[in-house]
Amino acid sequence: MSRVGKKPIQIPSNVKVAFKDGVLSVEGPKGKLSMKIHPDIKLTLEDSTIKLERPSDAPFHKAIHGTMGALIRNMIKGVTEGYTTVLEVVGLGYRAAVKGGNLELNLGYSHPVIYPIPPDVKIEVKENKIYISGIDKQRVGQVAAEIRAFKKPDPYKGKGIRYEGEQLRLKAGKTAGKGKGGKR
């Protein structure tokens, strides 16, 4: 049984929720989000709660039941508080700056990398940290992953773009001339 899907979802007083033709719309102080609910899941709105029910205990229904519950909670949190992901730019000469509607990254290439900022996401740069914020959790995570992909952390020196708090396991470099089989 999906414990996440079974739990009723509380709607805060400053959030408006509407369900029509299989589409759930959530509107709050930060913005508006909508999502299509899976046709097998039955959604009921009561006072200030949302309840989800599934047709059977089949593994697929259990999985989609919990997933829909988690996605709805994420939508409500997004329109009330929002989501923020922080990326760190690490390396000598590596820089990030917002210029116009673009994020300009100097990552040791022969040219700066230009990333156009999507309209539904806000990007700020402070002291070589990139703050990505928005109301859609999936969208914020996707933009962060796209920016990180320009220069993933190097496994030897740790230079590149990483998530804040990301633990890196650095590899040992070459140790020339030591042990058996090495050139002397």
N, C-alpha and C. Protein backbone atom coordinates (compact mmCIF):
# COMPACT_ATOMS: atom_id res chain seq x y z
N MET A 1 0.83 -1.18 0.00
CA MET A 1 0.00 0.00 0.00
C MET A 1 0.87 1.24 0.00
N SER A 2 0.52 2.21 -0.81
CA SER A 2 1.29 3.44 -0.89
C SER A 2 0.92 4.36 0.27
N ARG A 3 1.87 4.55 1.19
CA ARG A 3 1.61 5.42 2.33
C ARG A 3 1.59 6.88 1.90
N VAL A 4 2.37 7.22 0.88
CA VAL A 4 2.41 8.59 0.39
C VAL A 4 1.09 8.94 -0.29
N GLY A 5 0.55 8.02 -1.08
CA GLY A 5 -0.69 8.26 -1.80
C GLY A 5 -1.91 8.24 -0.89
N LYS A 6 -1.88 7.40 0.16
CA LYS A 6 -3.01 7.26 1.07
C LYS A 6 -3.22 8.49 1.94
N LYS A 7 -2.13 9.17 2.28
CA LYS A 7 -2.18 10.32 3.18
C LYS A 7 -2.92 11.49 2.52
N PRO A 8 -3.92 12.08 3.17
CA PRO A 8 -4.60 13.22 2.58
C PRO A 8 -3.66 14.42 2.48
N ILE A 9 -3.81 15.20 1.42
CA ILE A 9 -2.95 16.35 1.17
C ILE A 9 -3.65 17.61 1.67
N GLN A 10 -3.01 18.32 2.58
CA GLN A 10 -3.58 19.54 3.14
C GLN A 10 -3.34 20.71 2.18
N ILE A 11 -4.37 21.53 1.97
CA ILE A 11 -4.26 22.71 1.11
C ILE A 11 -4.17 23.94 2.01
N PRO A 12 -3.08 24.72 1.92
CA PRO A 12 -2.98 25.94 2.73
C PRO A 12 -4.06 26.95 2.35
N SER A 13 -4.34 27.89 3.26
CA SER A 13 -5.42 28.85 3.04
C SER A 13 -5.15 29.81 1.88
N ASN A 14 -3.87 30.07 1.56
CA ASN A 14 -3.56 31.00 0.48
C ASN A 14 -3.40 30.32 -0.88
N VAL A 15 -3.83 29.06 -1.01
CA VAL A 15 -3.71 28.31 -2.26
C VAL A 15 -5.10 27.94 -2.77
N LYS A 16 -5.32 28.19 -4.07
CA LYS A 16 -6.58 27.80 -4.72
C LYS A 16 -6.32 26.56 -5.57
N VAL A 17 -7.19 25.56 -5.42
CA VAL A 17 -7.05 24.31 -6.16
C VAL A 17 -8.32 24.07 -6.97
N ALA A 18 -8.16 23.73 -8.25
CA ALA A 18 -9.30 23.41 -9.11
C ALA A 18 -9.00 22.12 -9.87
N PHE A 19 -10.01 21.26 -10.00
CA PHE A 19 -9.85 19.99 -10.72
C PHE A 19 -10.96 19.90 -11.75
N LYS A 20 -10.56 19.90 -13.04
CA LYS A 20 -11.55 19.86 -14.11
C LYS A 20 -11.00 19.08 -15.29
N ASP A 21 -11.78 18.15 -15.83
CA ASP A 21 -11.42 17.35 -17.00
C ASP A 21 -10.08 16.64 -16.83
N GLY A 22 -9.79 16.11 -15.63
CA GLY A 22 -8.57 15.36 -15.40
C GLY A 22 -7.32 16.22 -15.20
N VAL A 23 -7.49 17.55 -15.13
CA VAL A 23 -6.34 18.45 -14.95
C VAL A 23 -6.49 19.17 -13.61
N LEU A 24 -5.45 19.05 -12.78
CA LEU A 24 -5.44 19.72 -11.48
C LEU A 24 -4.66 21.03 -11.62
N SER A 25 -5.29 22.15 -11.22
CA SER A 25 -4.63 23.46 -11.26
C SER A 25 -4.45 23.94 -9.83
N VAL A 26 -3.24 24.42 -9.53
CA VAL A 26 -2.90 24.92 -8.21
C VAL A 26 -2.39 26.35 -8.38
N GLU A 27 -3.00 27.29 -7.67
CA GLU A 27 -2.58 28.69 -7.77
C GLU A 27 -2.29 29.22 -6.38
N GLY A 28 -1.12 29.86 -6.24
CA GLY A 28 -0.70 30.40 -4.95
C GLY A 28 -0.04 31.74 -5.11
N PRO A 29 0.59 32.25 -4.04
CA PRO A 29 1.21 33.57 -4.09
C PRO A 29 2.37 33.68 -5.09
N LYS A 30 3.07 32.58 -5.37
CA LYS A 30 4.23 32.64 -6.27
C LYS A 30 3.88 32.37 -7.74
N GLY A 31 2.70 31.79 -8.01
CA GLY A 31 2.34 31.52 -9.39
C GLY A 31 1.31 30.42 -9.51
N LYS A 32 1.20 29.88 -10.73
CA LYS A 32 0.17 28.88 -11.03
C LYS A 32 0.82 27.69 -11.73
N LEU A 33 0.43 26.47 -11.32
CA LEU A 33 0.90 25.24 -11.95
C LEU A 33 -0.30 24.35 -12.25
N SER A 34 -0.18 23.55 -13.29
CA SER A 34 -1.24 22.58 -13.59
C SER A 34 -0.61 21.27 -14.03
N MET A 35 -1.34 20.17 -13.79
CA MET A 35 -0.83 18.85 -14.11
C MET A 35 -1.99 17.92 -14.44
N LYS A 36 -1.78 17.06 -15.42
CA LYS A 36 -2.79 16.07 -15.79
C LYS A 36 -2.67 14.90 -14.82
N ILE A 37 -3.79 14.54 -14.19
CA ILE A 37 -3.82 13.42 -13.25
C ILE A 37 -4.04 12.12 -14.04
N HIS A 38 -3.34 11.07 -13.66
CA HIS A 38 -3.47 9.77 -14.34
C HIS A 38 -4.93 9.33 -14.30
N PRO A 39 -5.48 8.84 -15.44
CA PRO A 39 -6.90 8.50 -15.49
C PRO A 39 -7.33 7.39 -14.51
N ASP A 40 -6.41 6.52 -14.07
CA ASP A 40 -6.77 5.45 -13.14
C ASP A 40 -6.94 5.96 -11.70
N ILE A 41 -6.38 7.12 -11.39
CA ILE A 41 -6.42 7.66 -10.03
C ILE A 41 -7.65 8.55 -9.86
N LYS A 42 -8.41 8.31 -8.79
CA LYS A 42 -9.60 9.11 -8.50
C LYS A 42 -9.23 10.19 -7.49
N LEU A 43 -9.46 11.45 -7.85
CA LEU A 43 -9.11 12.58 -6.99
C LEU A 43 -10.38 13.23 -6.48
N THR A 44 -10.46 13.48 -5.16
CA THR A 44 -11.61 14.17 -4.58
C THR A 44 -11.12 15.36 -3.76
N LEU A 45 -11.80 16.51 -3.95
CA LEU A 45 -11.50 17.73 -3.19
C LEU A 45 -12.54 17.88 -2.08
N GLU A 46 -12.07 17.95 -0.84
CA GLU A 46 -12.97 18.15 0.30
C GLU A 46 -12.42 19.28 1.15
N ASP A 47 -13.19 20.32 1.36
CA ASP A 47 -12.80 21.47 2.18
C ASP A 47 -11.37 21.91 1.86
N SER A 48 -10.41 21.58 2.73
CA SER A 48 -9.03 21.99 2.49
C SER A 48 -8.11 20.78 2.39
N THR A 49 -8.64 19.67 1.84
CA THR A 49 -7.82 18.48 1.64
C THR A 49 -8.08 17.87 0.27
N ILE A 50 -7.07 17.17 -0.23
CA ILE A 50 -7.18 16.41 -1.48
C ILE A 50 -6.96 14.95 -1.11
N LYS A 51 -7.87 14.07 -1.59
CA LYS A 51 -7.72 12.65 -1.33
C LYS A 51 -7.59 11.92 -2.66
N LEU A 52 -6.66 10.96 -2.69
CA LEU A 52 -6.42 10.16 -3.89
C LEU A 52 -6.80 8.71 -3.61
N GLU A 53 -7.43 8.05 -4.59
CA GLU A 53 -7.79 6.65 -4.46
C GLU A 53 -7.39 5.91 -5.71
N ARG A 54 -6.99 4.65 -5.56
CA ARG A 54 -6.59 3.84 -6.71
C ARG A 54 -7.59 2.71 -6.90
N PRO A 55 -7.73 2.18 -8.14
CA PRO A 55 -8.74 1.16 -8.40
C PRO A 55 -8.38 -0.23 -7.86
N SER A 56 -7.08 -0.57 -7.77
CA SER A 56 -6.70 -1.91 -7.31
C SER A 56 -5.35 -1.85 -6.59
N ASP A 57 -4.92 -3.00 -6.10
CA ASP A 57 -3.62 -3.09 -5.43
C ASP A 57 -2.54 -3.63 -6.37
N ALA A 58 -2.75 -3.49 -7.66
CA ALA A 58 -1.73 -3.90 -8.63
C ALA A 58 -0.48 -3.04 -8.42
N PRO A 59 0.72 -3.59 -8.66
CA PRO A 59 1.94 -2.82 -8.44
C PRO A 59 1.97 -1.48 -9.19
N PHE A 60 1.45 -1.46 -10.41
CA PHE A 60 1.44 -0.21 -11.17
C PHE A 60 0.56 0.83 -10.50
N HIS A 61 -0.63 0.42 -10.05
CA HIS A 61 -1.54 1.35 -9.40
C HIS A 61 -0.96 1.87 -8.08
N LYS A 62 -0.27 1.00 -7.34
CA LYS A 62 0.37 1.44 -6.10
C LYS A 62 1.43 2.51 -6.41
N ALA A 63 2.21 2.27 -7.45
CA ALA A 63 3.29 3.19 -7.81
C ALA A 63 2.75 4.54 -8.28
N ILE A 64 1.76 4.52 -9.16
CA ILE A 64 1.22 5.78 -9.70
C ILE A 64 0.44 6.54 -8.62
N HIS A 65 -0.13 5.82 -7.66
CA HIS A 65 -0.86 6.43 -6.54
C HIS A 65 0.10 7.29 -5.71
N GLY A 66 1.24 6.72 -5.33
CA GLY A 66 2.23 7.46 -4.56
C GLY A 66 2.86 8.58 -5.36
N THR A 67 3.12 8.33 -6.63
CA THR A 67 3.73 9.36 -7.48
C THR A 67 2.82 10.57 -7.62
N MET A 68 1.55 10.35 -7.87
CA MET A 68 0.61 11.47 -8.00
C MET A 68 0.54 12.27 -6.70
N GLY A 69 0.53 11.58 -5.55
CA GLY A 69 0.50 12.27 -4.26
C GLY A 69 1.73 13.15 -4.08
N ALA A 70 2.91 12.61 -4.40
CA ALA A 70 4.15 13.37 -4.25
C ALA A 70 4.18 14.57 -5.20
N LEU A 71 3.72 14.39 -6.43
CA LEU A 71 3.72 15.49 -7.41
C LEU A 71 2.78 16.62 -6.99
N ILE A 72 1.63 16.27 -6.43
CA ILE A 72 0.67 17.29 -5.97
C ILE A 72 1.26 18.05 -4.79
N ARG A 73 1.91 17.35 -3.85
CA ARG A 73 2.55 18.03 -2.71
C ARG A 73 3.64 18.98 -3.21
N ASN A 74 4.41 18.54 -4.21
CA ASN A 74 5.47 19.40 -4.78
C ASN A 74 4.87 20.64 -5.43
N MET A 75 3.72 20.50 -6.10
CA MET A 75 3.07 21.66 -6.73
C MET A 75 2.64 22.66 -5.66
N ILE A 76 2.03 22.17 -4.59
CA ILE A 76 1.56 23.06 -3.52
C ILE A 76 2.73 23.77 -2.86
N LYS A 77 3.81 23.04 -2.59
CA LYS A 77 5.00 23.67 -1.98
C LYS A 77 5.61 24.67 -2.95
N GLY A 78 5.61 24.37 -4.24
CA GLY A 78 6.19 25.27 -5.24
C GLY A 78 5.47 26.60 -5.33
N VAL A 79 4.14 26.61 -5.30
CA VAL A 79 3.40 27.87 -5.43
C VAL A 79 3.37 28.67 -4.12
N THR A 80 3.72 28.03 -2.99
CA THR A 80 3.76 28.76 -1.73
C THR A 80 5.18 29.20 -1.37
N GLU A 81 6.15 28.28 -1.40
CA GLU A 81 7.53 28.58 -1.00
C GLU A 81 8.49 28.70 -2.19
N GLY A 82 8.32 27.86 -3.20
CA GLY A 82 9.24 27.81 -4.32
C GLY A 82 10.39 26.86 -4.05
N TYR A 83 11.21 26.62 -5.06
CA TYR A 83 12.35 25.72 -4.94
C TYR A 83 13.61 26.45 -5.38
N THR A 84 14.72 26.14 -4.73
CA THR A 84 16.01 26.73 -5.09
C THR A 84 17.07 25.65 -5.09
N THR A 85 17.90 25.63 -6.13
CA THR A 85 19.05 24.74 -6.22
C THR A 85 20.28 25.61 -6.37
N VAL A 86 21.36 25.25 -5.67
CA VAL A 86 22.59 26.04 -5.71
C VAL A 86 23.69 25.20 -6.36
N LEU A 87 24.36 25.80 -7.36
CA LEU A 87 25.52 25.19 -8.00
C LEU A 87 26.76 25.98 -7.64
N GLU A 88 27.89 25.30 -7.43
CA GLU A 88 29.15 25.96 -7.15
C GLU A 88 30.06 25.83 -8.36
N VAL A 89 30.70 26.93 -8.75
CA VAL A 89 31.67 26.92 -9.83
C VAL A 89 33.05 26.90 -9.18
N VAL A 90 33.79 25.78 -9.33
CA VAL A 90 35.08 25.59 -8.66
C VAL A 90 36.18 25.46 -9.71
N GLY A 91 37.21 26.27 -9.59
CA GLY A 91 38.36 26.18 -10.48
C GLY A 91 38.97 27.55 -10.70
N LEU A 92 40.28 27.59 -10.89
CA LEU A 92 40.99 28.84 -11.11
C LEU A 92 40.57 29.45 -12.44
N GLY A 93 40.04 30.66 -12.40
CA GLY A 93 39.61 31.34 -13.62
C GLY A 93 38.21 30.98 -14.07
N TYR A 94 37.56 30.05 -13.38
CA TYR A 94 36.19 29.68 -13.74
C TYR A 94 35.25 30.73 -13.15
N ARG A 95 34.39 31.30 -14.00
CA ARG A 95 33.48 32.35 -13.54
C ARG A 95 32.09 32.15 -14.14
N ALA A 96 31.11 32.71 -13.45
CA ALA A 96 29.73 32.72 -13.94
C ALA A 96 29.18 34.12 -13.75
N ALA A 97 28.38 34.58 -14.72
CA ALA A 97 27.76 35.90 -14.62
C ALA A 97 26.47 35.91 -15.43
N VAL A 98 25.50 36.69 -14.94
CA VAL A 98 24.25 36.87 -15.68
C VAL A 98 24.39 38.14 -16.50
N LYS A 99 24.26 38.01 -17.82
CA LYS A 99 24.35 39.17 -18.71
C LYS A 99 23.12 39.19 -19.59
N GLY A 100 22.25 40.18 -19.36
CA GLY A 100 20.99 40.25 -20.10
C GLY A 100 20.12 39.07 -19.70
N GLY A 101 19.63 38.34 -20.67
CA GLY A 101 18.80 37.16 -20.41
C GLY A 101 19.58 35.87 -20.52
N ASN A 102 20.91 35.95 -20.39
CA ASN A 102 21.77 34.78 -20.55
C ASN A 102 22.67 34.58 -19.34
N LEU A 103 23.05 33.33 -19.11
CA LEU A 103 24.06 33.00 -18.11
C LEU A 103 25.35 32.76 -18.87
N GLU A 104 26.39 33.53 -18.55
CA GLU A 104 27.67 33.40 -19.24
C GLU A 104 28.64 32.68 -18.32
N LEU A 105 29.19 31.58 -18.79
CA LEU A 105 30.10 30.76 -18.00
C LEU A 105 31.48 30.71 -18.66
N ASN A 106 32.52 31.05 -17.91
CA ASN A 106 33.90 30.89 -18.37
C ASN A 106 34.44 29.66 -17.66
N LEU A 107 34.63 28.57 -18.40
CA LEU A 107 34.97 27.28 -17.80
C LEU A 107 36.26 26.68 -18.32
N GLY A 108 37.18 27.53 -18.77
CA GLY A 108 38.45 27.03 -19.24
C GLY A 108 38.45 26.64 -20.70
N TYR A 109 37.34 26.83 -21.38
CA TYR A 109 37.30 26.57 -22.82
C TYR A 109 37.83 27.80 -23.55
N SER A 110 38.01 27.71 -24.87
CA SER A 110 38.52 28.84 -25.65
C SER A 110 37.47 29.92 -25.84
N HIS A 111 36.24 29.65 -25.42
CA HIS A 111 35.13 30.58 -25.59
C HIS A 111 34.22 30.50 -24.37
N PRO A 112 33.50 31.57 -24.05
CA PRO A 112 32.54 31.47 -22.94
C PRO A 112 31.31 30.66 -23.37
N VAL A 113 30.73 29.93 -22.43
CA VAL A 113 29.52 29.15 -22.68
C VAL A 113 28.33 30.05 -22.33
N ILE A 114 27.42 30.22 -23.29
CA ILE A 114 26.23 31.06 -23.09
C ILE A 114 25.02 30.15 -22.93
N TYR A 115 24.30 30.31 -21.81
CA TYR A 115 23.09 29.53 -21.55
C TYR A 115 21.91 30.49 -21.44
N PRO A 116 20.95 30.45 -22.39
CA PRO A 116 19.78 31.34 -22.29
C PRO A 116 18.90 30.93 -21.10
N ILE A 117 18.55 31.90 -20.26
CA ILE A 117 17.75 31.64 -19.06
C ILE A 117 16.29 31.44 -19.46
N PRO A 118 15.69 30.28 -19.12
CA PRO A 118 14.28 30.06 -19.44
C PRO A 118 13.39 31.06 -18.69
N PRO A 119 12.23 31.42 -19.27
CA PRO A 119 11.36 32.41 -18.64
C PRO A 119 10.73 31.96 -17.32
N ASP A 120 10.58 30.65 -17.10
CA ASP A 120 9.94 30.16 -15.89
C ASP A 120 10.91 29.92 -14.73
N VAL A 121 12.19 30.25 -14.93
CA VAL A 121 13.22 30.03 -13.92
C VAL A 121 14.01 31.31 -13.72
N LYS A 122 14.40 31.58 -12.46
CA LYS A 122 15.18 32.77 -12.14
C LYS A 122 16.60 32.31 -11.76
N ILE A 123 17.62 32.96 -12.35
CA ILE A 123 19.01 32.59 -12.06
C ILE A 123 19.75 33.82 -11.55
N GLU A 124 20.46 33.65 -10.41
CA GLU A 124 21.30 34.70 -9.84
C GLU A 124 22.69 34.12 -9.59
N VAL A 125 23.71 34.98 -9.67
CA VAL A 125 25.08 34.55 -9.40
C VAL A 125 25.64 35.43 -8.29
N LYS A 126 26.16 34.79 -7.23
CA LYS A 126 26.81 35.49 -6.13
C LYS A 126 28.05 34.70 -5.74
N GLU A 127 29.23 35.32 -5.83
CA GLU A 127 30.49 34.72 -5.41
C GLU A 127 30.70 33.31 -5.96
N ASN A 128 30.64 33.14 -7.25
CA ASN A 128 30.82 31.86 -7.93
C ASN A 128 29.84 30.78 -7.48
N LYS A 129 28.67 31.20 -7.02
CA LYS A 129 27.57 30.27 -6.76
C LYS A 129 26.40 30.68 -7.63
N ILE A 130 25.79 29.71 -8.29
CA ILE A 130 24.66 29.96 -9.17
C ILE A 130 23.39 29.52 -8.43
N TYR A 131 22.47 30.47 -8.20
CA TYR A 131 21.21 30.18 -7.51
C TYR A 131 20.11 30.07 -8.57
N ILE A 132 19.52 28.88 -8.67
CA ILE A 132 18.45 28.62 -9.64
C ILE A 132 17.16 28.44 -8.84
N SER A 133 16.17 29.29 -9.10
CA SER A 133 14.92 29.19 -8.33
C SER A 133 13.71 29.27 -9.26
N GLY A 134 12.61 28.67 -8.80
CA GLY A 134 11.36 28.67 -9.56
C GLY A 134 10.29 27.95 -8.78
N ILE A 135 9.09 27.84 -9.37
CA ILE A 135 7.98 27.19 -8.65
C ILE A 135 7.82 25.72 -9.03
N ASP A 136 8.40 25.29 -10.16
CA ASP A 136 8.28 23.91 -10.62
C ASP A 136 9.55 23.15 -10.25
N LYS A 137 9.43 22.19 -9.33
CA LYS A 137 10.60 21.45 -8.83
C LYS A 137 11.33 20.73 -9.96
N GLN A 138 10.59 20.10 -10.85
CA GLN A 138 11.20 19.37 -11.96
C GLN A 138 11.98 20.30 -12.87
N ARG A 139 11.42 21.45 -13.18
CA ARG A 139 12.05 22.42 -14.08
C ARG A 139 13.33 23.00 -13.48
N VAL A 140 13.32 23.32 -12.18
CA VAL A 140 14.50 23.85 -11.50
C VAL A 140 15.63 22.80 -11.53
N GLY A 141 15.29 21.55 -11.24
CA GLY A 141 16.28 20.47 -11.27
C GLY A 141 16.83 20.23 -12.67
N GLN A 142 15.98 20.33 -13.69
CA GLN A 142 16.41 20.12 -15.07
C GLN A 142 17.38 21.21 -15.51
N VAL A 143 17.08 22.47 -15.20
CA VAL A 143 17.96 23.59 -15.57
C VAL A 143 19.30 23.43 -14.85
N ALA A 144 19.28 23.05 -13.57
CA ALA A 144 20.51 22.85 -12.82
C ALA A 144 21.36 21.74 -13.45
N ALA A 145 20.72 20.66 -13.87
CA ALA A 145 21.44 19.55 -14.50
C ALA A 145 22.04 19.97 -15.84
N GLU A 146 21.31 20.78 -16.61
CA GLU A 146 21.83 21.25 -17.90
C GLU A 146 23.06 22.14 -17.71
N ILE A 147 23.02 23.02 -16.71
CA ILE A 147 24.16 23.91 -16.45
C ILE A 147 25.35 23.09 -15.95
N ARG A 148 25.11 22.13 -15.06
CA ARG A 148 26.19 21.30 -14.52
C ARG A 148 26.85 20.48 -15.62
N ALA A 149 26.09 20.09 -16.63
CA ALA A 149 26.62 19.26 -17.71
C ALA A 149 27.65 19.99 -18.57
N PHE A 150 27.71 21.33 -18.52
CA PHE A 150 28.71 22.06 -19.30
C PHE A 150 30.13 21.73 -18.85
N LYS A 151 30.33 21.49 -17.55
CA LYS A 151 31.66 21.14 -17.03
C LYS A 151 31.47 20.38 -15.72
N LYS A 152 31.29 19.05 -15.82
CA LYS A 152 31.13 18.24 -14.62
C LYS A 152 32.43 18.26 -13.82
N PRO A 153 32.35 18.01 -12.51
CA PRO A 153 33.58 18.04 -11.70
C PRO A 153 34.60 17.02 -12.18
N ASP A 154 35.84 17.46 -12.27
CA ASP A 154 36.96 16.63 -12.70
C ASP A 154 37.27 15.62 -11.58
N PRO A 155 37.43 14.33 -11.92
CA PRO A 155 37.66 13.34 -10.86
C PRO A 155 39.04 13.42 -10.21
N TYR A 156 39.98 14.19 -10.79
CA TYR A 156 41.33 14.28 -10.24
C TYR A 156 41.55 15.55 -9.41
N LYS A 157 41.10 16.70 -9.91
CA LYS A 157 41.31 17.96 -9.19
C LYS A 157 40.04 18.53 -8.59
N GLY A 158 38.87 18.08 -9.04
CA GLY A 158 37.61 18.56 -8.50
C GLY A 158 37.12 19.85 -9.14
N LYS A 159 37.78 20.29 -10.23
CA LYS A 159 37.37 21.52 -10.89
C LYS A 159 36.11 21.27 -11.73
N GLY A 160 35.23 22.28 -11.80
CA GLY A 160 34.02 22.16 -12.60
C GLY A 160 32.82 22.73 -11.86
N ILE A 161 31.63 22.36 -12.31
CA ILE A 161 30.38 22.83 -11.69
C ILE A 161 29.79 21.67 -10.91
N ARG A 162 29.51 21.93 -9.62
CA ARG A 162 28.93 20.88 -8.78
C ARG A 162 27.77 21.45 -7.96
N TYR A 163 26.91 20.54 -7.48
CA TYR A 163 25.83 20.95 -6.59
C TYR A 163 26.42 21.36 -5.25
N GLU A 164 25.78 22.28 -4.55
CA GLU A 164 26.25 22.68 -3.24
C GLU A 164 26.14 21.49 -2.29
N GLY A 165 27.23 21.20 -1.60
CA GLY A 165 27.25 20.08 -0.67
C GLY A 165 27.52 18.73 -1.32
N GLU A 166 27.75 18.69 -2.63
CA GLU A 166 28.03 17.43 -3.32
C GLU A 166 29.39 16.90 -2.89
N GLN A 167 29.44 15.63 -2.51
CA GLN A 167 30.68 14.99 -2.09
C GLN A 167 31.36 14.37 -3.29
N LEU A 168 32.62 14.72 -3.49
CA LEU A 168 33.37 14.15 -4.60
C LEU A 168 34.42 13.19 -4.06
N ARG A 169 34.59 12.07 -4.75
CA ARG A 169 35.66 11.15 -4.40
C ARG A 169 36.75 11.36 -5.44
N LEU A 170 37.80 12.04 -5.05
CA LEU A 170 38.88 12.34 -5.98
C LEU A 170 39.77 11.11 -6.14
N LYS A 171 40.18 10.86 -7.40
CA LYS A 171 41.06 9.74 -7.69
C LYS A 171 42.50 10.15 -7.42
N ALA A 172 43.34 9.17 -7.13
CA ALA A 172 44.77 9.44 -6.97
C ALA A 172 45.37 9.60 -8.35
N GLY A 173 46.28 10.54 -8.49
CA GLY A 173 46.92 10.76 -9.78
C GLY A 173 47.99 9.71 -10.04
N LYS A 174 48.71 9.88 -11.15
CA LYS A 174 49.78 8.95 -11.50
C LYS A 174 50.91 9.08 -10.49
N THR A 175 51.48 7.96 -10.12
CA THR A 175 52.67 7.98 -9.28
C THR A 175 53.78 7.31 -10.09
N ALA A 176 54.46 8.11 -10.88
CA ALA A 176 55.48 7.58 -11.81
C ALA A 176 56.71 7.13 -11.05
N GLY A 177 57.24 5.95 -11.42
CA GLY A 177 58.51 5.48 -10.91
C GLY A 177 58.43 4.75 -9.58
N LYS A 178 57.28 4.48 -9.06
CA LYS A 178 57.19 3.79 -7.77
C LYS A 178 56.64 2.40 -7.98
N GLY A 179 57.15 1.46 -7.20
CA GLY A 179 56.63 0.10 -7.25
C GLY A 179 57.15 -0.67 -8.42
N LYS A 180 56.61 -1.88 -8.62
CA LYS A 180 57.04 -2.75 -9.70
C LYS A 180 56.45 -2.31 -11.02
N GLY A 181 57.19 -2.50 -12.08
CA GLY A 181 56.68 -2.24 -13.42
C GLY A 181 56.76 -0.77 -13.84
N GLY A 182 57.10 0.12 -12.95
CA GLY A 182 57.19 1.53 -13.31
C GLY A 182 58.55 1.84 -13.93
N LYS A 183 58.60 2.84 -14.77
CA LYS A 183 59.87 3.24 -15.37
C LYS A 183 60.71 3.94 -14.33
N ARG A 184 62.04 3.72 -14.40
CA ARG A 184 62.95 4.34 -13.43
C ARG A 184 63.89 5.28 -14.10
